[in-house]
């Protein structure tokens, strides 16, 4: 089933729920626009009209034990090296313009990866 990632929080929660299909999963991993508060009644009227999962993972549960984290990192980098995962930067800034890059990130003016070039 499709998975929807919501890293903004309060302002995008309802649209993220609406994009779900029945038995889909919403992964809420950010609160930059405010805390996410979920009303159980709302869940029944969103997406494919219910029967989906909402999760809020915490990094600490994925980095312990350390051996598990290293296994996951190894698996990820194996996929990257095999060409199964490709991520092209969407924008770049000269290293001298790092302040401008930070302002763009903070102002939500970027999409995807941002690279500082020496």
PDB file of N, CA and C in Angstrom:
ATOM      1  N   UNK A   1       0.836  -1.190   0.000  1.00  0.00           N
ATOM      2  CA  UNK A   1       0.000   0.000   0.000  1.00  0.00           C
ATOM      3  C   UNK A   1       0.874   1.244   0.000  1.00  0.00           C
ATOM      4  N   UNK A   2       0.395   2.317  -0.609  1.00  0.00           N
ATOM      5  CA  UNK A   2       1.167   3.554  -0.660  1.00  0.00           C
ATOM      6  C   UNK A   2       1.401   4.139   0.726  1.00  0.00           C
ATOM      7  N   UNK A   3       2.524   4.839   0.843  1.00  0.00           N
ATOM      8  CA  UNK A   3       2.896   5.524   2.076  1.00  0.00           C
ATOM      9  C   UNK A   3       3.027   7.005   1.770  1.00  0.00           C
ATOM     10  N   UNK A   4       2.458   7.847   2.636  1.00  0.00           N
ATOM     11  CA  UNK A   4       2.557   9.290   2.503  1.00  0.00           C
ATOM     12  C   UNK A   4       3.400   9.801   3.664  1.00  0.00           C
ATOM     13  N   UNK A   5       4.413  10.625   3.369  1.00  0.00           N
ATOM     14  CA  UNK A   5       5.262  11.211   4.399  1.00  0.00           C
ATOM     15  C   UNK A   5       4.874  12.672   4.579  1.00  0.00           C
ATOM     16  N   UNK A   6       4.602  13.070   5.801  1.00  0.00           N
ATOM     17  CA  UNK A   6       4.253  14.455   6.112  1.00  0.00           C
ATOM     18  C   UNK A   6       5.292  14.981   7.078  1.00  0.00           C
ATOM     19  N   UNK A   7       6.155  15.880   6.607  1.00  0.00           N
ATOM     20  CA  UNK A   7       7.201  16.407   7.474  1.00  0.00           C
ATOM     21  C   UNK A   7       6.942  17.851   7.883  1.00  0.00           C
ATOM     22  N   UNK A   8       5.786  18.396   7.537  1.00  0.00           N
ATOM     23  CA  UNK A   8       5.475  19.777   7.900  1.00  0.00           C
ATOM     24  C   UNK A   8       4.651  19.827   9.178  1.00  0.00           C
ATOM     25  N   UNK A   9       3.630  18.980   9.286  1.00  0.00           N
ATOM     26  CA  UNK A   9       2.850  18.934  10.524  1.00  0.00           C
ATOM     27  C   UNK A   9       1.443  19.462  10.370  1.00  0.00           C
ATOM     28  N   UNK A  10       1.061  20.321  11.300  1.00  0.00           N
ATOM     29  CA  UNK A  10      -0.320  20.789  11.439  1.00  0.00           C
ATOM     30  C   UNK A  10      -0.918  21.304  10.137  1.00  0.00           C
ATOM     31  N   UNK A  11      -0.187  22.127   9.402  1.00  0.00           N
ATOM     32  CA  UNK A  11      -0.742  22.768   8.203  1.00  0.00           C
ATOM     33  C   UNK A  11      -1.005  21.802   7.053  1.00  0.00           C
ATOM     34  N   UNK A  12      -0.372  20.655   7.032  1.00  0.00           N
ATOM     35  CA  UNK A  12      -0.512  19.737   5.902  1.00  0.00           C
ATOM     36  C   UNK A  12      -1.170  18.413   6.280  1.00  0.00           C
ATOM     37  N   UNK A  13      -1.519  18.236   7.549  1.00  0.00           N
ATOM     38  CA  UNK A  13      -2.064  16.952   8.003  1.00  0.00           C
ATOM     39  C   UNK A  13      -3.300  16.532   7.213  1.00  0.00           C
ATOM     40  N   UNK A  14      -4.287  17.412   7.114  1.00  0.00           N
ATOM     41  CA  UNK A  14      -5.542  17.011   6.448  1.00  0.00           C
ATOM     42  C   UNK A  14      -5.316  16.678   4.975  1.00  0.00           C
ATOM     43  N   UNK A  15      -4.510  17.451   4.274  1.00  0.00           N
ATOM     44  CA  UNK A  15      -4.231  17.151   2.865  1.00  0.00           C
ATOM     45  C   UNK A  15      -3.494  15.821   2.748  1.00  0.00           C
ATOM     46  N   UNK A  16      -2.584  15.546   3.678  1.00  0.00           N
ATOM     47  CA  UNK A  16      -1.878  14.267   3.651  1.00  0.00           C
ATOM     48  C   UNK A  16      -2.841  13.122   3.887  1.00  0.00           C
ATOM     49  N   UNK A  17      -3.757  13.286   4.841  1.00  0.00           N
ATOM     50  CA  UNK A  17      -4.759  12.243   5.081  1.00  0.00           C
ATOM     51  C   UNK A  17      -5.653  12.054   3.855  1.00  0.00           C
ATOM     52  N   UNK A  18      -6.026  13.153   3.204  1.00  0.00           N
ATOM     53  CA  UNK A  18      -6.875  13.064   2.009  1.00  0.00           C
ATOM     54  C   UNK A  18      -6.199  12.308   0.876  1.00  0.00           C
ATOM     55  N   UNK A  19      -4.877  12.327   0.830  1.00  0.00           N
ATOM     56  CA  UNK A  19      -4.171  11.672  -0.263  1.00  0.00           C
ATOM     57  C   UNK A  19      -4.025  10.161  -0.064  1.00  0.00           C
ATOM     58  N   UNK A  20      -4.404   9.673   1.108  1.00  0.00           N
ATOM     59  CA  UNK A  20      -4.262   8.246   1.386  1.00  0.00           C
ATOM     60  C   UNK A  20      -5.321   7.412   0.689  1.00  0.00           C
ATOM     61  N   UNK A  21      -4.910   6.227   0.298  1.00  0.00           N
ATOM     62  CA  UNK A  21      -5.855   5.231  -0.176  1.00  0.00           C
ATOM     63  C   UNK A  21      -6.225   4.332   1.000  1.00  0.00           C
ATOM     64  N   UNK A  22      -7.290   3.573   0.859  1.00  0.00           N
ATOM     65  CA  UNK A  22      -7.661   2.607   1.884  1.00  0.00           C
ATOM     66  C   UNK A  22      -6.475   1.692   2.164  1.00  0.00           C
ATOM     67  N   UNK A  23      -6.186   1.465   3.423  1.00  0.00           N
ATOM     68  CA  UNK A  23      -5.074   0.651   3.928  1.00  0.00           C
ATOM     69  C   UNK A  23      -3.711   1.278   3.664  1.00  0.00           C
ATOM     70  N   UNK A  24      -3.678   2.578   3.358  1.00  0.00           N
ATOM     71  CA  UNK A  24      -2.410   3.282   3.194  1.00  0.00           C
ATOM     72  C   UNK A  24      -1.830   3.647   4.554  1.00  0.00           C
ATOM     73  N   UNK A  25      -0.656   4.266   4.538  1.00  0.00           N
ATOM     74  CA  UNK A  25       0.025   4.646   5.766  1.00  0.00           C
ATOM     75  C   UNK A  25       0.486   6.098   5.674  1.00  0.00           C
ATOM     76  N   UNK A  26       0.219   6.870   6.718  1.00  0.00           N
ATOM     77  CA  UNK A  26       0.730   8.230   6.836  1.00  0.00           C
ATOM     78  C   UNK A  26       1.844   8.218   7.873  1.00  0.00           C
ATOM     79  N   UNK A  27       3.027   8.669   7.468  1.00  0.00           N
ATOM     80  CA  UNK A  27       4.162   8.782   8.380  1.00  0.00           C
ATOM     81  C   UNK A  27       4.337  10.263   8.684  1.00  0.00           C
ATOM     82  N   UNK A  28       4.039  10.654   9.907  1.00  0.00           N
ATOM     83  CA  UNK A  28       4.180  12.040  10.335  1.00  0.00           C
ATOM     84  C   UNK A  28       5.516  12.169  11.049  1.00  0.00           C
ATOM     85  N   UNK A  29       6.438  12.931  10.463  1.00  0.00           N
ATOM     86  CA  UNK A  29       7.763  13.015  11.065  1.00  0.00           C
ATOM     87  C   UNK A  29       8.255  14.437  11.237  1.00  0.00           C
ATOM     88  N   UNK A  30       7.336  15.382  11.308  1.00  0.00           N
ATOM     89  CA  UNK A  30       7.759  16.756  11.503  1.00  0.00           C
ATOM     90  C   UNK A  30       6.641  17.616  12.041  1.00  0.00           C
ATOM     91  N   UNK A  31       7.020  18.711  12.667  1.00  0.00           N
ATOM     92  CA  UNK A  31       6.036  19.636  13.227  1.00  0.00           C
ATOM     93  C   UNK A  31       6.456  21.086  13.001  1.00  0.00           C
ATOM     94  N   UNK A  32       7.064  21.365  11.852  1.00  0.00           N
ATOM     95  CA  UNK A  32       7.552  22.722  11.609  1.00  0.00           C
ATOM     96  C   UNK A  32       6.420  23.746  11.550  1.00  0.00           C
ATOM     97  N   UNK A  33       5.201  23.322  11.211  1.00  0.00           N
ATOM     98  CA  UNK A  33       4.076  24.262  11.189  1.00  0.00           C
ATOM     99  C   UNK A  33       3.227  24.164  12.448  1.00  0.00           C
ATOM    100  N   UNK A  34       3.642  23.344  13.379  1.00  0.00           N
ATOM    101  CA  UNK A  34       2.904  23.195  14.629  1.00  0.00           C
ATOM    102  C   UNK A  34       2.645  21.734  14.939  1.00  0.00           C
ATOM    103  N   UNK A  35       2.267  21.456  16.185  1.00  0.00           N
ATOM    104  CA  UNK A  35       2.042  20.069  16.598  1.00  0.00           C
ATOM    105  C   UNK A  35       0.867  19.440  15.863  1.00  0.00           C
ATOM    106  N   UNK A  36       0.988  18.148  15.615  1.00  0.00           N
ATOM    107  CA  UNK A  36      -0.059  17.393  14.943  1.00  0.00           C
ATOM    108  C   UNK A  36      -0.981  16.805  16.010  1.00  0.00           C
ATOM    109  N   UNK A  37      -2.250  17.169  15.931  1.00  0.00           N
ATOM    110  CA  UNK A  37      -3.259  16.629  16.844  1.00  0.00           C
ATOM    111  C   UNK A  37      -4.269  15.897  15.980  1.00  0.00           C
ATOM    112  N   UNK A  38      -4.471  14.618  16.264  1.00  0.00           N
ATOM    113  CA  UNK A  38      -5.337  13.799  15.417  1.00  0.00           C
ATOM    114  C   UNK A  38      -6.612  13.445  16.175  1.00  0.00           C
ATOM    115  N   UNK A  39      -7.731  13.789  15.568  1.00  0.00           N
ATOM    116  CA  UNK A  39      -9.054  13.459  16.092  1.00  0.00           C
ATOM    117  C   UNK A  39      -9.486  12.152  15.436  1.00  0.00           C
ATOM    118  N   UNK A  40      -9.793  11.138  16.224  1.00  0.00           N
ATOM    119  CA  UNK A  40     -10.162   9.823  15.681  1.00  0.00           C
ATOM    120  C   UNK A  40     -11.370   9.912  14.747  1.00  0.00           C
ATOM    121  N   UNK A  41     -12.296  10.829  14.986  1.00  0.00           N
ATOM    122  CA  UNK A  41     -13.453  10.988  14.093  1.00  0.00           C
ATOM    123  C   UNK A  41     -13.008  11.459  12.712  1.00  0.00           C
ATOM    124  N   UNK A  42     -12.004  12.321  12.682  1.00  0.00           N
ATOM    125  CA  UNK A  42     -11.484  12.837  11.416  1.00  0.00           C
ATOM    126  C   UNK A  42     -10.939  11.709  10.546  1.00  0.00           C
ATOM    127  N   UNK A  43     -10.301  10.745  11.179  1.00  0.00           N
ATOM    128  CA  UNK A  43      -9.692   9.644  10.420  1.00  0.00           C
ATOM    129  C   UNK A  43     -10.714   8.867   9.600  1.00  0.00           C
ATOM    130  N   UNK A  44     -11.931   8.729  10.106  1.00  0.00           N
ATOM    131  CA  UNK A  44     -12.960   7.968   9.400  1.00  0.00           C
ATOM    132  C   UNK A  44     -13.489   8.652   8.157  1.00  0.00           C
ATOM    133  N   UNK A  45     -13.202   9.954   8.003  1.00  0.00           N
ATOM    134  CA  UNK A  45     -13.747  10.687   6.858  1.00  0.00           C
ATOM    135  C   UNK A  45     -12.678  11.073   5.843  1.00  0.00           C
ATOM    136  N   UNK A  46     -11.472  10.663   6.074  1.00  0.00           N
ATOM    137  CA  UNK A  46     -10.372  11.078   5.207  1.00  0.00           C
ATOM    138  C   UNK A  46      -9.901   9.953   4.311  1.00  0.00           C
ATOM    139  N   UNK A  47      -9.053  10.315   3.349  1.00  0.00           N
ATOM    140  CA  UNK A  47      -8.422   9.338   2.472  1.00  0.00           C
ATOM    141  C   UNK A  47      -9.442   8.433   1.824  1.00  0.00           C
ATOM    142  N   UNK A  48      -9.176   7.156   1.872  1.00  0.00           N
ATOM    143  CA  UNK A  48     -10.099   6.158   1.317  1.00  0.00           C
ATOM    144  C   UNK A  48     -11.212   5.851   2.287  1.00  0.00           C
ATOM    145  N   UNK A  49     -11.574   6.854   3.088  1.00  0.00           N
ATOM    146  CA  UNK A  49     -12.610   6.741   4.118  1.00  0.00           C
ATOM    147  C   UNK A  49     -12.248   5.744   5.207  1.00  0.00           C
ATOM    148  N   UNK A  50     -11.013   5.799   5.615  1.00  0.00           N
ATOM    149  CA  UNK A  50     -10.595   5.031   6.779  1.00  0.00           C
ATOM    150  C   UNK A  50      -9.745   3.826   6.430  1.00  0.00           C
ATOM    151  N   UNK A  51      -9.567   2.991   7.428  1.00  0.00           N
ATOM    152  CA  UNK A  51      -8.755   1.785   7.309  1.00  0.00           C
ATOM    153  C   UNK A  51      -7.347   2.098   6.815  1.00  0.00           C
ATOM    154  N   UNK A  52      -6.723   3.078   7.439  1.00  0.00           N
ATOM    155  CA  UNK A  52      -5.327   3.352   7.159  1.00  0.00           C
ATOM    156  C   UNK A  52      -4.598   3.538   8.476  1.00  0.00           C
ATOM    157  N   UNK A  53      -3.278   3.604   8.387  1.00  0.00           N
ATOM    158  CA  UNK A  53      -2.437   3.692   9.575  1.00  0.00           C
ATOM    159  C   UNK A  53      -1.758   5.054   9.608  1.00  0.00           C
ATOM    160  N   UNK A  54      -1.597   5.580  10.819  1.00  0.00           N
ATOM    161  CA  UNK A  54      -0.845   6.808  11.042  1.00  0.00           C
ATOM    162  C   UNK A  54       0.232   6.473  12.065  1.00  0.00           C
ATOM    163  N   UNK A  55       1.462   6.847  11.755  1.00  0.00           N
ATOM    164  CA  UNK A  55       2.564   6.562  12.668  1.00  0.00           C
ATOM    165  C   UNK A  55       3.433   7.803  12.845  1.00  0.00           C
ATOM    166  N   UNK A  56       4.054   7.911  13.992  1.00  0.00           N
ATOM    167  CA  UNK A  56       4.963   9.031  14.296  1.00  0.00           C
ATOM    168  C   UNK A  56       6.265   8.433  14.830  1.00  0.00           C
ATOM    169  N   UNK A  57       7.162   8.038  13.917  1.00  0.00           N
ATOM    170  CA  UNK A  57       8.401   7.403  14.357  1.00  0.00           C
ATOM    171  C   UNK A  57       9.331   8.388  15.066  1.00  0.00           C
ATOM    172  N   UNK A  58      10.106   7.857  15.980  1.00  0.00           N
ATOM    173  CA  UNK A  58      11.122   8.644  16.681  1.00  0.00           C
ATOM    174  C   UNK A  58      12.486   8.039  16.366  1.00  0.00           C
ATOM    175  N   UNK A  59      13.442   8.868  16.009  1.00  0.00           N
ATOM    176  CA  UNK A  59      14.762   8.402  15.587  1.00  0.00           C
ATOM    177  C   UNK A  59      15.400   7.479  16.621  1.00  0.00           C
ATOM    178  N   UNK A  60      15.218   7.790  17.893  1.00  0.00           N
ATOM    179  CA  UNK A  60      15.902   6.992  18.916  1.00  0.00           C
ATOM    180  C   UNK A  60      15.512   5.516  18.864  1.00  0.00           C
ATOM    181  N   UNK A  61      14.331   5.215  18.343  1.00  0.00           N
ATOM    182  CA  UNK A  61      13.903   3.822  18.251  1.00  0.00           C
ATOM    183  C   UNK A  61      14.546   3.088  17.077  1.00  0.00           C
ATOM    184  N   UNK A  62      15.204   3.836  16.195  1.00  0.00           N
ATOM    185  CA  UNK A  62      15.835   3.240  15.026  1.00  0.00           C
ATOM    186  C   UNK A  62      17.351   3.208  15.104  1.00  0.00           C
ATOM    187  N   UNK A  63      17.916   3.842  16.121  1.00  0.00           N
ATOM    188  CA  UNK A  63      19.374   3.861  16.238  1.00  0.00           C
ATOM    189  C   UNK A  63      19.883   2.966  17.364  1.00  0.00           C
ATOM    190  N   UNK A  64      18.976   2.330  18.041  1.00  0.00           N
ATOM    191  CA  UNK A  64      19.355   1.412  19.130  1.00  0.00           C
ATOM    192  C   UNK A  64      18.761   0.042  18.839  1.00  0.00           C
ATOM    193  N   UNK A  65      19.465  -1.025  19.005  1.00  0.00           N
ATOM    194  CA  UNK A  65      20.888  -1.033  19.332  1.00  0.00           C
ATOM    195  C   UNK A  65      21.716  -0.569  18.130  1.00  0.00           C
ATOM    196  N   UNK A  66      22.916  -0.129  18.397  1.00  0.00           N
ATOM    197  CA  UNK A  66      23.791   0.412  17.359  1.00  0.00           C
ATOM    198  C   UNK A  66      23.978  -0.569  16.209  1.00  0.00           C
ATOM    199  N   UNK A  67      24.063  -1.851  16.502  1.00  0.00           N
ATOM    200  CA  UNK A  67      24.260  -2.853  15.445  1.00  0.00           C
ATOM    201  C   UNK A  67      23.095  -2.825  14.450  1.00  0.00           C
ATOM    202  N   UNK A  68      21.893  -2.590  14.927  1.00  0.00           N
ATOM    203  CA  UNK A  68      20.721  -2.501  14.049  1.00  0.00           C
ATOM    204  C   UNK A  68      20.844  -1.276  13.137  1.00  0.00           C
ATOM    205  N   UNK A  69      21.255  -0.140  13.710  1.00  0.00           N
ATOM    206  CA  UNK A  69      21.421   1.075  12.916  1.00  0.00           C
ATOM    207  C   UNK A  69      22.477   0.870  11.831  1.00  0.00           C
ATOM    208  N   UNK A  70      23.586   0.229  12.180  1.00  0.00           N
ATOM    209  CA  UNK A  70      24.645  -0.005  11.198  1.00  0.00           C
ATOM    210  C   UNK A  70      24.182  -0.947  10.095  1.00  0.00           C
ATOM    211  N   UNK A  71      23.378  -1.957  10.441  1.00  0.00           N
ATOM    212  CA  UNK A  71      22.824  -2.857   9.426  1.00  0.00           C
ATOM    213  C   UNK A  71      21.909  -2.101   8.466  1.00  0.00           C
ATOM    214  N   UNK A  72      21.067  -1.212   9.006  1.00  0.00           N
ATOM    215  CA  UNK A  72      20.166  -0.429   8.155  1.00  0.00           C
ATOM    216  C   UNK A  72      20.955   0.514   7.256  1.00  0.00           C
ATOM    217  N   UNK A  73      21.996   1.150   7.795  1.00  0.00           N
ATOM    218  CA  UNK A  73      22.822   2.054   6.997  1.00  0.00           C
ATOM    219  C   UNK A  73      23.518   1.288   5.881  1.00  0.00           C
ATOM    220  N   UNK A  74      24.034   0.128   6.200  1.00  0.00           N
ATOM    221  CA  UNK A  74      24.707  -0.701   5.190  1.00  0.00           C
ATOM    222  C   UNK A  74      23.726  -1.060   4.074  1.00  0.00           C
ATOM    223  N   UNK A  75      22.509  -1.454   4.453  1.00  0.00           N
ATOM    224  CA  UNK A  75      21.502  -1.808   3.448  1.00  0.00           C
ATOM    225  C   UNK A  75      21.167  -0.605   2.561  1.00  0.00           C
ATOM    226  N   UNK A  76      20.994   0.565   3.163  1.00  0.00           N
ATOM    227  CA  UNK A  76      20.702   1.776   2.397  1.00  0.00           C
ATOM    228  C   UNK A  76      21.822   2.079   1.407  1.00  0.00           C
ATOM    229  N   UNK A  77      23.061   2.103   1.883  1.00  0.00           N
ATOM    230  CA  UNK A  77      24.172   2.449   0.996  1.00  0.00           C
ATOM    231  C   UNK A  77      24.407   1.388  -0.069  1.00  0.00           C
ATOM    232  N   UNK A  78      24.097   0.139   0.218  1.00  0.00           N
ATOM    233  CA  UNK A  78      24.163  -0.899  -0.813  1.00  0.00           C
ATOM    234  C   UNK A  78      23.173  -0.584  -1.936  1.00  0.00           C
ATOM    235  N   UNK A  79      21.967  -0.125  -1.570  1.00  0.00           N
ATOM    236  CA  UNK A  79      20.965   0.245  -2.589  1.00  0.00           C
ATOM    237  C   UNK A  79      21.434   1.458  -3.394  1.00  0.00           C
ATOM    238  N   UNK A  80      22.024   2.443  -2.719  1.00  0.00           N
ATOM    239  CA  UNK A  80      22.526   3.631  -3.424  1.00  0.00           C
ATOM    240  C   UNK A  80      23.626   3.229  -4.395  1.00  0.00           C
ATOM    241  N   UNK A  81      24.583   2.431  -3.936  1.00  0.00           N
ATOM    242  CA  UNK A  81      25.694   2.007  -4.791  1.00  0.00           C
ATOM    243  C   UNK A  81      25.227   1.151  -5.964  1.00  0.00           C
ATOM    244  N   UNK A  82      24.133   0.404  -5.770  1.00  0.00           N
ATOM    245  CA  UNK A  82      23.589  -0.436  -6.841  1.00  0.00           C
ATOM    246  C   UNK A  82      22.744   0.377  -7.827  1.00  0.00           C
ATOM    247  N   UNK A  83      22.516   1.661  -7.526  1.00  0.00           N
ATOM    248  CA  UNK A  83      21.718   2.501  -8.416  1.00  0.00           C
ATOM    249  C   UNK A  83      20.224   2.356  -8.216  1.00  0.00           C
ATOM    250  N   UNK A  84      19.806   1.673  -7.160  1.00  0.00           N
ATOM    251  CA  UNK A  84      18.374   1.511  -6.883  1.00  0.00           C
ATOM    252  C   UNK A  84      17.761   2.772  -6.286  1.00  0.00           C
ATOM    253  N   UNK A  85      18.575   3.596  -5.665  1.00  0.00           N
ATOM    254  CA  UNK A  85      18.121   4.858  -5.068  1.00  0.00           C
ATOM    255  C   UNK A  85      18.974   5.968  -5.662  1.00  0.00           C
ATOM    256  N   UNK A  86      18.309   6.947  -6.280  1.00  0.00           N
ATOM    257  CA  UNK A  86      19.012   8.071  -6.896  1.00  0.00           C
ATOM    258  C   UNK A  86      18.369   9.346  -6.371  1.00  0.00           C
ATOM    259  N   UNK A  87      19.183  10.276  -5.943  1.00  0.00           N
ATOM    260  CA  UNK A  87      18.674  11.556  -5.451  1.00  0.00           C
ATOM    261  C   UNK A  87      19.502  12.672  -6.056  1.00  0.00           C
ATOM    262  N   UNK A  88      18.920  13.371  -6.994  1.00  0.00           N
ATOM    263  CA  UNK A  88      19.603  14.489  -7.632  1.00  0.00           C
ATOM    264  C   UNK A  88      19.264  15.766  -6.874  1.00  0.00           C
ATOM    265  N   UNK A  89      20.252  16.600  -6.582  1.00  0.00           N
ATOM    266  CA  UNK A  89      19.969  17.872  -5.907  1.00  0.00           C
ATOM    267  C   UNK A  89      19.033  18.731  -6.740  1.00  0.00           C
ATOM    268  N   UNK A  90      18.106  19.401  -6.094  1.00  0.00           N
ATOM    269  CA  UNK A  90      17.159  20.274  -6.784  1.00  0.00           C
ATOM    270  C   UNK A  90      17.675  21.704  -6.862  1.00  0.00           C
ATOM    271  N   UNK A  91      18.566  22.078  -5.949  1.00  0.00           N
ATOM    272  CA  UNK A  91      19.160  23.399  -5.979  1.00  0.00           C
ATOM    273  C   UNK A  91      20.536  23.326  -5.332  1.00  0.00           C
ATOM    274  N   UNK A  92      21.394  24.295  -5.738  1.00  0.00           N
ATOM    275  CA  UNK A  92      22.728  24.360  -5.142  1.00  0.00           C
ATOM    276  C   UNK A  92      23.071  25.819  -4.882  1.00  0.00           C
ATOM    277  N   UNK A  93      23.953  25.999  -3.904  1.00  0.00           N
ATOM    278  CA  UNK A  93      24.431  27.316  -3.532  1.00  0.00           C
ATOM    279  C   UNK A  93      25.942  27.242  -3.402  1.00  0.00           C
ATOM    280  N   UNK A  94      26.609  28.330  -3.723  1.00  0.00           N
ATOM    281  CA  UNK A  94      28.048  28.405  -3.463  1.00  0.00           C
ATOM    282  C   UNK A  94      28.244  28.361  -1.953  1.00  0.00           C
ATOM    283  N   UNK A  95      29.329  27.753  -1.525  1.00  0.00           N
ATOM    284  CA  UNK A  95      29.617  27.665  -0.099  1.00  0.00           C
ATOM    285  C   UNK A  95      29.630  29.058   0.531  1.00  0.00           C
ATOM    286  N   UNK A  96      30.111  30.036  -0.214  1.00  0.00           N
ATOM    287  CA  UNK A  96      30.140  31.417   0.283  1.00  0.00           C
ATOM    288  C   UNK A  96      28.734  31.963   0.531  1.00  0.00           C
ATOM    289  N   UNK A  97      27.725  31.342  -0.081  1.00  0.00           N
ATOM    290  CA  UNK A  97      26.328  31.768   0.075  1.00  0.00           C
ATOM    291  C   UNK A  97      25.561  30.865   1.035  1.00  0.00           C
ATOM    292  N   UNK A  98      26.267  30.237   1.973  1.00  0.00           N
ATOM    293  CA  UNK A  98      25.619  29.315   2.914  1.00  0.00           C
ATOM    294  C   UNK A  98      24.501  30.001   3.694  1.00  0.00           C
ATOM    295  N   UNK A  99      24.693  31.261   4.039  1.00  0.00           N
ATOM    296  CA  UNK A  99      23.643  32.000   4.751  1.00  0.00           C
ATOM    297  C   UNK A  99      22.367  32.089   3.935  1.00  0.00           C
ATOM    298  N   UNK A 100      22.517  32.359   2.642  1.00  0.00           N
ATOM    299  CA  UNK A 100      21.355  32.426   1.736  1.00  0.00           C
ATOM    300  C   UNK A 100      20.690  31.051   1.649  1.00  0.00           C
ATOM    301  N   UNK A 101      21.500  29.992   1.600  1.00  0.00           N
ATOM    302  CA  UNK A 101      20.950  28.631   1.553  1.00  0.00           C
ATOM    303  C   UNK A 101      20.143  28.345   2.808  1.00  0.00           C
ATOM    304  N   UNK A 102      20.657  28.729   3.967  1.00  0.00           N
ATOM    305  CA  UNK A 102      19.930  28.517   5.218  1.00  0.00           C
ATOM    306  C   UNK A 102      18.617  29.295   5.230  1.00  0.00           C
ATOM    307  N   UNK A 103      18.638  30.521   4.763  1.00  0.00           N
ATOM    308  CA  UNK A 103      17.401  31.312   4.713  1.00  0.00           C
ATOM    309  C   UNK A 103      16.380  30.667   3.773  1.00  0.00           C
ATOM    310  N   UNK A 104      16.846  30.137   2.645  1.00  0.00           N
ATOM    311  CA  UNK A 104      15.938  29.461   1.713  1.00  0.00           C
ATOM    312  C   UNK A 104      15.322  28.219   2.355  1.00  0.00           C
ATOM    313  N   UNK A 105      16.155  27.447   3.056  1.00  0.00           N
ATOM    314  CA  UNK A 105      15.638  26.258   3.743  1.00  0.00           C
ATOM    315  C   UNK A 105      14.638  26.647   4.826  1.00  0.00           C
ATOM    316  N   UNK A 106      15.006  27.615   5.654  1.00  0.00           N
ATOM    317  CA  UNK A 106      14.127  28.057   6.739  1.00  0.00           C
ATOM    318  C   UNK A 106      12.831  28.650   6.211  1.00  0.00           C
ATOM    319  N   UNK A 107      12.900  29.303   5.060  1.00  0.00           N
ATOM    320  CA  UNK A 107      11.727  29.936   4.472  1.00  0.00           C
ATOM    321  C   UNK A 107      10.913  28.992   3.598  1.00  0.00           C
ATOM    322  N   UNK A 108      11.267  27.709   3.605  1.00  0.00           N
ATOM    323  CA  UNK A 108      10.567  26.690   2.812  1.00  0.00           C
ATOM    324  C   UNK A 108      10.565  27.033   1.324  1.00  0.00           C
ATOM    325  N   UNK A 109      11.685  27.531   0.844  1.00  0.00           N
ATOM    326  CA  UNK A 109      11.820  27.896  -0.565  1.00  0.00           C
ATOM    327  C   UNK A 109      12.570  26.823  -1.349  1.00  0.00           C
ATOM    328  N   UNK A 110      12.833  25.697  -0.725  1.00  0.00           N
ATOM    329  CA  UNK A 110      13.573  24.619  -1.384  1.00  0.00           C
ATOM    330  C   UNK A 110      12.705  23.372  -1.476  1.00  0.00           C
ATOM    331  N   UNK A 111      13.087  22.507  -2.405  1.00  0.00           N
ATOM    332  CA  UNK A 111      12.430  21.215  -2.578  1.00  0.00           C
ATOM    333  C   UNK A 111      13.530  20.163  -2.711  1.00  0.00           C
ATOM    334  N   UNK A 112      13.407  19.070  -2.008  1.00  0.00           N
ATOM    335  CA  UNK A 112      14.391  18.002  -2.142  1.00  0.00           C
ATOM    336  C   UNK A 112      15.739  18.394  -1.578  1.00  0.00           C
ATOM    337  N   UNK A 113      16.786  17.849  -2.168  1.00  0.00           N
ATOM    338  CA  UNK A 113      18.149  18.039  -1.669  1.00  0.00           C
ATOM    339  C   UNK A 113      18.694  19.408  -2.073  1.00  0.00           C
ATOM    340  N   UNK A 114      19.449  19.992  -1.143  1.00  0.00           N
ATOM    341  CA  UNK A 114      20.158  21.243  -1.381  1.00  0.00           C
ATOM    342  C   UNK A 114      21.636  20.980  -1.158  1.00  0.00           C
ATOM    343  N   UNK A 115      22.490  21.468  -2.065  1.00  0.00           N
ATOM    344  CA  UNK A 115      23.920  21.195  -1.989  1.00  0.00           C
ATOM    345  C   UNK A 115      24.678  22.520  -1.919  1.00  0.00           C
ATOM    346  N   UNK A 116      25.687  22.563  -1.019  1.00  0.00           N
ATOM    347  CA  UNK A 116      26.619  23.677  -0.978  1.00  0.00           C
ATOM    348  C   UNK A 116      27.848  23.284  -1.763  1.00  0.00           C
ATOM    349  N   UNK A 117      28.227  24.121  -2.737  1.00  0.00           N
ATOM    350  CA  UNK A 117      29.354  23.809  -3.631  1.00  0.00           C
ATOM    351  C   UNK A 117      30.543  24.692  -3.270  1.00  0.00           C
ATOM    352  N   UNK A 118      31.718  24.080  -2.994  1.00  0.00           N
ATOM    353  CA  UNK A 118      32.905  24.880  -2.653  1.00  0.00           C
ATOM    354  C   UNK A 118      33.350  25.758  -3.815  1.00  0.00           C
TER     355      UNK A 118
END
